[in-house]
Protein backbone atom coordinates (compact mmCIF):
# COMPACT_ATOMS: atom_id res chain seq x y z
CA MET A 1 87.41 -67.60 16.77
CA LYS A 2 86.47 -64.26 18.31
CA HIS A 3 85.48 -61.59 15.82
CA PRO A 4 87.94 -58.67 15.93
CA GLU A 5 86.60 -55.54 17.57
CA GLU A 6 85.69 -52.63 15.32
CA VAL A 7 88.11 -49.71 15.44
CA VAL A 8 86.34 -46.55 16.63
CA ARG A 9 87.46 -42.93 16.76
CA LEU A 10 88.54 -41.72 20.20
CA PHE A 11 87.57 -38.09 19.54
CA ASN A 12 84.61 -36.16 18.16
CA LYS A 13 86.25 -33.27 16.32
CA SER A 14 87.34 -33.52 12.70
CA ASP A 15 90.67 -35.09 11.79
CA GLU A 16 91.98 -31.74 10.57
CA GLU A 17 91.02 -29.98 13.80
CA MET A 18 92.56 -32.73 15.92
CA LEU A 19 95.84 -32.66 13.99
CA GLN A 20 96.03 -28.88 14.20
CA GLN A 21 95.43 -29.05 17.94
CA SER A 22 98.08 -31.74 18.25
CA ASP A 23 100.62 -29.52 16.48
CA VAL A 24 99.97 -26.78 19.03
CA LYS A 25 100.14 -29.13 22.02
CA LEU A 26 103.34 -30.74 20.75
CA ALA A 27 105.02 -27.33 20.43
CA SER A 28 103.90 -26.43 23.95
CA PHE A 29 105.10 -29.78 25.26
CA ILE A 30 108.57 -29.35 23.74
CA LYS A 31 108.83 -25.84 25.19
CA ASN A 32 107.80 -27.08 28.64
CA LYS A 33 109.41 -30.52 28.53
CA PRO A 34 111.73 -29.95 31.50
CA ALA A 35 108.73 -29.35 33.73
CA PHE A 36 107.07 -32.55 32.52
CA LEU A 37 110.18 -34.63 33.08
CA THR A 38 110.34 -33.72 36.75
CA ARG A 39 107.21 -35.78 37.29
CA PHE A 40 107.01 -38.01 34.20
CA PRO A 41 110.45 -39.23 33.01
CA LYS A 42 108.75 -41.55 30.50
CA LEU A 43 107.91 -38.47 28.42
CA ASP A 44 111.60 -37.92 27.69
CA ASP A 45 113.05 -38.53 24.22
CA PRO A 46 112.06 -40.04 21.90
CA PHE A 47 108.46 -39.33 22.96
CA ALA A 48 108.23 -35.94 21.20
CA ALA A 49 109.86 -37.27 18.02
CA VAL A 50 107.52 -40.26 17.94
CA TRP A 51 104.54 -37.96 18.45
CA ALA A 52 105.69 -35.68 15.60
CA ASN A 53 106.22 -38.68 13.34
CA ASN A 54 102.73 -39.96 14.15
CA ILE A 55 101.28 -36.58 13.14
CA THR A 56 103.20 -36.69 9.85
CA THR A 57 102.03 -40.25 9.16
CA ALA A 58 98.40 -39.36 9.88
CA ARG A 59 98.53 -36.34 7.56
CA LYS A 60 99.80 -38.47 4.67
CA ILE A 61 96.69 -40.66 4.72
CA LEU A 62 94.19 -39.43 2.15
CA PRO A 63 90.84 -38.19 3.51
CA ASP A 64 87.71 -40.25 3.02
CA TYR A 65 86.47 -38.15 0.11
CA ALA A 66 89.38 -39.45 -1.99
CA SER A 67 88.17 -43.03 -1.53
CA VAL A 68 84.58 -41.93 -2.11
CA THR A 69 85.58 -40.31 -5.41
CA THR A 70 87.17 -43.55 -6.60
CA GLN A 71 84.13 -45.58 -5.55
CA ILE A 72 81.71 -43.19 -7.28
CA GLY A 73 83.80 -43.36 -10.46
CA GLU A 74 83.66 -47.16 -10.51
CA SER A 75 79.92 -47.09 -9.79
CA ASP A 76 79.24 -44.58 -12.58
CA LEU A 77 81.20 -46.70 -15.08
CA LEU A 78 79.26 -49.79 -14.03
CA GLU A 79 75.95 -48.02 -14.62
CA ILE A 80 77.11 -46.94 -18.09
CA LEU A 81 77.88 -50.56 -18.95
CA MET A 82 74.59 -51.73 -17.46
CA ASN A 83 72.71 -49.24 -19.63
CA GLU A 84 74.59 -50.42 -22.71
CA GLY A 85 73.71 -53.99 -21.81
CA ARG A 86 70.04 -53.17 -21.42
CA ASN A 87 69.96 -51.33 -24.74
CA LEU A 88 71.69 -54.19 -26.54
CA PHE A 89 69.33 -56.78 -25.08
CA GLN A 90 66.33 -54.71 -26.14
CA MET A 91 67.82 -54.53 -29.62
CA LEU A 92 68.04 -58.32 -29.63
CA MET A 93 64.38 -58.56 -28.62
CA LEU A 94 63.40 -56.24 -31.49
CA TYR A 95 65.29 -58.28 -34.08
CA THR A 96 63.93 -61.51 -32.59
CA GLN A 97 60.38 -60.22 -33.00
CA LEU A 98 61.15 -59.23 -36.60
CA ALA A 99 62.80 -62.55 -37.41
CA PHE A 100 60.25 -64.69 -35.57
CA PRO A 101 56.92 -62.82 -35.50
CA ASN A 102 54.38 -64.21 -33.03
CA HIS A 103 56.96 -66.76 -31.91
CA ALA A 104 56.80 -66.75 -28.10
CA ILE A 105 59.25 -69.63 -27.79
CA ALA A 106 62.01 -67.67 -29.57
CA LEU A 107 61.55 -64.68 -27.27
CA ARG A 108 61.49 -66.90 -24.19
CA THR A 109 64.61 -68.72 -25.38
CA MET A 110 66.47 -65.41 -25.69
CA GLY A 111 65.50 -64.58 -22.10
CA GLN A 112 62.69 -62.05 -22.51
CA SER A 113 60.84 -63.31 -19.41
CA GLN A 114 63.95 -62.76 -17.23
CA TYR A 115 64.65 -59.23 -18.41
CA GLU A 116 62.49 -57.33 -15.91
CA SER A 117 64.04 -59.02 -12.88
CA SER A 118 67.57 -58.81 -14.30
CA SER A 119 67.75 -55.40 -15.94
CA LYS A 120 68.93 -53.49 -12.85
CA ASN A 121 70.81 -56.29 -11.13
CA HIS A 122 74.59 -56.20 -11.55
CA LEU A 123 74.81 -59.96 -11.10
CA LYS A 124 71.78 -61.09 -13.10
CA LEU A 125 72.08 -58.90 -16.21
CA PRO A 126 75.47 -60.35 -17.26
CA ASN A 127 74.04 -63.87 -16.97
CA LEU A 128 71.08 -62.84 -19.09
CA LEU A 129 73.38 -61.38 -21.74
CA LEU A 130 75.52 -64.52 -21.76
CA LYS A 131 72.44 -66.69 -22.21
CA ALA A 132 71.20 -64.42 -24.99
CA HIS A 133 74.58 -64.59 -26.71
CA LYS A 134 74.62 -68.38 -26.51
CA GLU A 135 71.16 -68.69 -28.05
CA ALA A 136 71.59 -65.92 -30.65
CA SER A 137 74.82 -67.58 -31.83
CA LYS A 138 73.04 -70.80 -32.75
CA PRO A 139 72.68 -71.13 -36.54
CA GLU A 140 68.90 -71.48 -36.43
CA TYR A 141 68.63 -68.05 -34.77
CA LYS A 142 71.76 -66.26 -35.98
CA VAL A 143 70.98 -66.52 -39.69
CA ALA A 144 67.45 -65.19 -39.23
CA LEU A 145 68.56 -62.35 -36.94
CA MET A 146 71.27 -61.23 -39.34
CA ASP A 147 68.82 -61.44 -42.24
CA LYS A 148 66.74 -58.78 -40.45
CA GLY A 149 69.71 -56.48 -39.89
CA MET A 150 71.38 -57.52 -36.64
CA THR A 151 75.12 -57.81 -37.21
CA GLU A 152 77.49 -60.49 -36.01
CA SER A 153 79.35 -57.86 -33.99
CA ASP A 154 76.05 -56.99 -32.25
CA ILE A 155 75.66 -60.62 -31.26
CA ASP A 156 79.28 -60.88 -30.10
CA MET A 157 78.83 -57.69 -28.10
CA LEU A 158 76.32 -59.49 -25.87
CA LYS A 159 79.16 -61.54 -24.41
CA THR A 160 81.63 -58.65 -24.46
CA LEU A 161 79.31 -56.44 -22.42
CA ALA A 162 78.50 -59.28 -20.03
CA ASP A 163 82.21 -59.74 -19.33
CA LYS A 164 82.74 -56.00 -18.92
CA ILE A 165 79.87 -55.72 -16.44
CA ILE A 166 81.20 -58.65 -14.40
CA ASN A 167 84.70 -57.13 -14.29
CA GLN A 168 83.43 -53.65 -13.49
CA ASP A 169 81.22 -54.92 -10.69
CA LEU A 170 84.31 -56.60 -9.24
CA ALA A 171 86.19 -53.30 -9.51
CA LEU A 172 83.38 -51.56 -7.62
CA GLN A 173 83.36 -54.17 -4.85
CA ASN A 174 87.12 -53.84 -4.51
CA ALA A 175 86.77 -50.05 -4.30
CA LYS A 176 84.28 -50.47 -1.46
CA LYS A 177 86.65 -52.81 0.37
CA ASP A 178 89.56 -50.43 -0.20
CA ARG A 179 87.51 -47.57 1.23
CA SER A 180 86.70 -49.60 4.34
CA HIS A 181 90.36 -50.56 4.75
CA ASP A 182 91.53 -46.98 4.21
CA ALA A 183 89.02 -45.70 6.77
CA ASN A 184 90.24 -48.24 9.30
CA GLU A 185 93.87 -47.27 8.74
CA ARG A 186 92.97 -43.58 8.98
CA ILE A 187 91.18 -44.05 12.31
CA ILE A 188 94.09 -46.04 13.75
CA ALA A 189 96.59 -43.35 12.71
CA MET A 190 94.44 -40.50 14.06
CA ASN A 191 93.79 -42.34 17.32
CA THR A 192 97.53 -42.79 17.82
CA VAL A 193 98.07 -39.03 17.55
CA TRP A 194 95.14 -38.39 19.86
CA GLU A 195 96.52 -40.77 22.47
CA ASN A 196 99.92 -39.02 22.38
CA MET A 197 98.25 -35.67 22.90
CA ALA A 198 95.81 -36.94 25.53
CA THR A 199 98.64 -38.46 27.57
CA VAL A 200 100.50 -35.16 27.71
CA CYS A 201 97.37 -33.17 28.48
CA GLN A 202 96.46 -35.56 31.27
CA CYS A 203 99.95 -35.36 32.76
CA ALA A 204 99.82 -31.57 32.53
CA LYS A 205 96.96 -31.52 35.05
CA LEU A 206 99.41 -32.62 37.71
CA VAL A 207 102.53 -30.87 36.43
CA PHE A 208 100.81 -27.48 36.23
CA GLN A 209 98.23 -27.82 38.99
CA ASN A 210 99.55 -24.60 40.50
CA ASP A 211 100.17 -22.77 37.22
CA ALA A 212 96.87 -21.72 35.64
CA THR A 213 98.47 -20.22 32.52
CA ARG A 214 100.38 -23.34 31.52
CA TYR A 215 97.55 -25.56 32.77
CA ASP A 216 95.26 -23.94 30.19
CA LEU A 217 97.78 -24.59 27.41
CA PHE A 218 97.10 -28.32 27.70
CA LEU A 219 93.31 -28.43 27.82
CA LEU A 220 92.07 -30.83 25.14
CA SER A 221 89.17 -28.57 24.19
CA ASP A 222 87.85 -25.10 24.93
CA GLY A 223 84.95 -26.72 26.74
CA GLU A 224 87.13 -28.63 29.20
CA THR A 225 86.51 -27.21 32.67
CA GLN A 226 88.18 -29.65 35.08
CA LYS A 227 90.14 -28.05 37.87
CA PRO A 228 93.77 -28.93 38.64
CA GLY A 229 93.98 -32.22 40.47
CA GLU A 230 90.50 -33.48 39.51
CA ASN A 231 91.82 -36.06 37.01
CA PRO A 232 94.92 -38.04 37.96
CA PRO A 233 97.46 -38.89 35.26
CA PRO A 234 97.02 -42.18 33.38
CA PRO A 235 98.10 -45.29 35.33
CA GLY A 236 101.73 -46.24 34.87
CA THR A 237 102.76 -42.81 33.55
CA ALA A 238 104.13 -41.31 36.76
CA ASN A 239 107.23 -42.62 38.51
């Protein structure tokens, strides 16, 4: 199946600037609607109401920084849990060395050799903690570790933190997906408003080709310098 095309913004200015401009153009359009309808009957009601509703809908969509804030919060929480996991694993290594001095096999069994490659990896560290919990829970290790001062709750926390990291990483990935979805919805909504405004401004080039004052009211930007009649209205708009 064909991959869906990426939605892209149809304008370069900020969303806030575009919506403000659209408010102004809509007011001018309503004031001058009779002149538009002499050449473009399709701009009759409910065009203005639909345009206004599209502006309202676009304004209700939260800006990107709101999604970014949520994503950053989830990321920060994940890093807190990762740091707790690293500290707890290092505690396990200390107690393992105390309980089994000069015992390389015990350290390797707990996962010491995998720590460097796993310590900063959101996927690998939970697996390392789960393996450590499994081994540290075995009687032959658990009794000796607790004899040196490691508590049963410390050992159980290895699994608890592993589960928390897994769940928090999932929350972060979902936040990233939500941000992408929100951005897509925002672009679609803004583009709809832009297209309403652009249609009217394009039609105005013909309607007011002999009226410089009203012609200037419907320029899309201050830098637009086309003369009346240079750009025909969009196909299918005129009757």
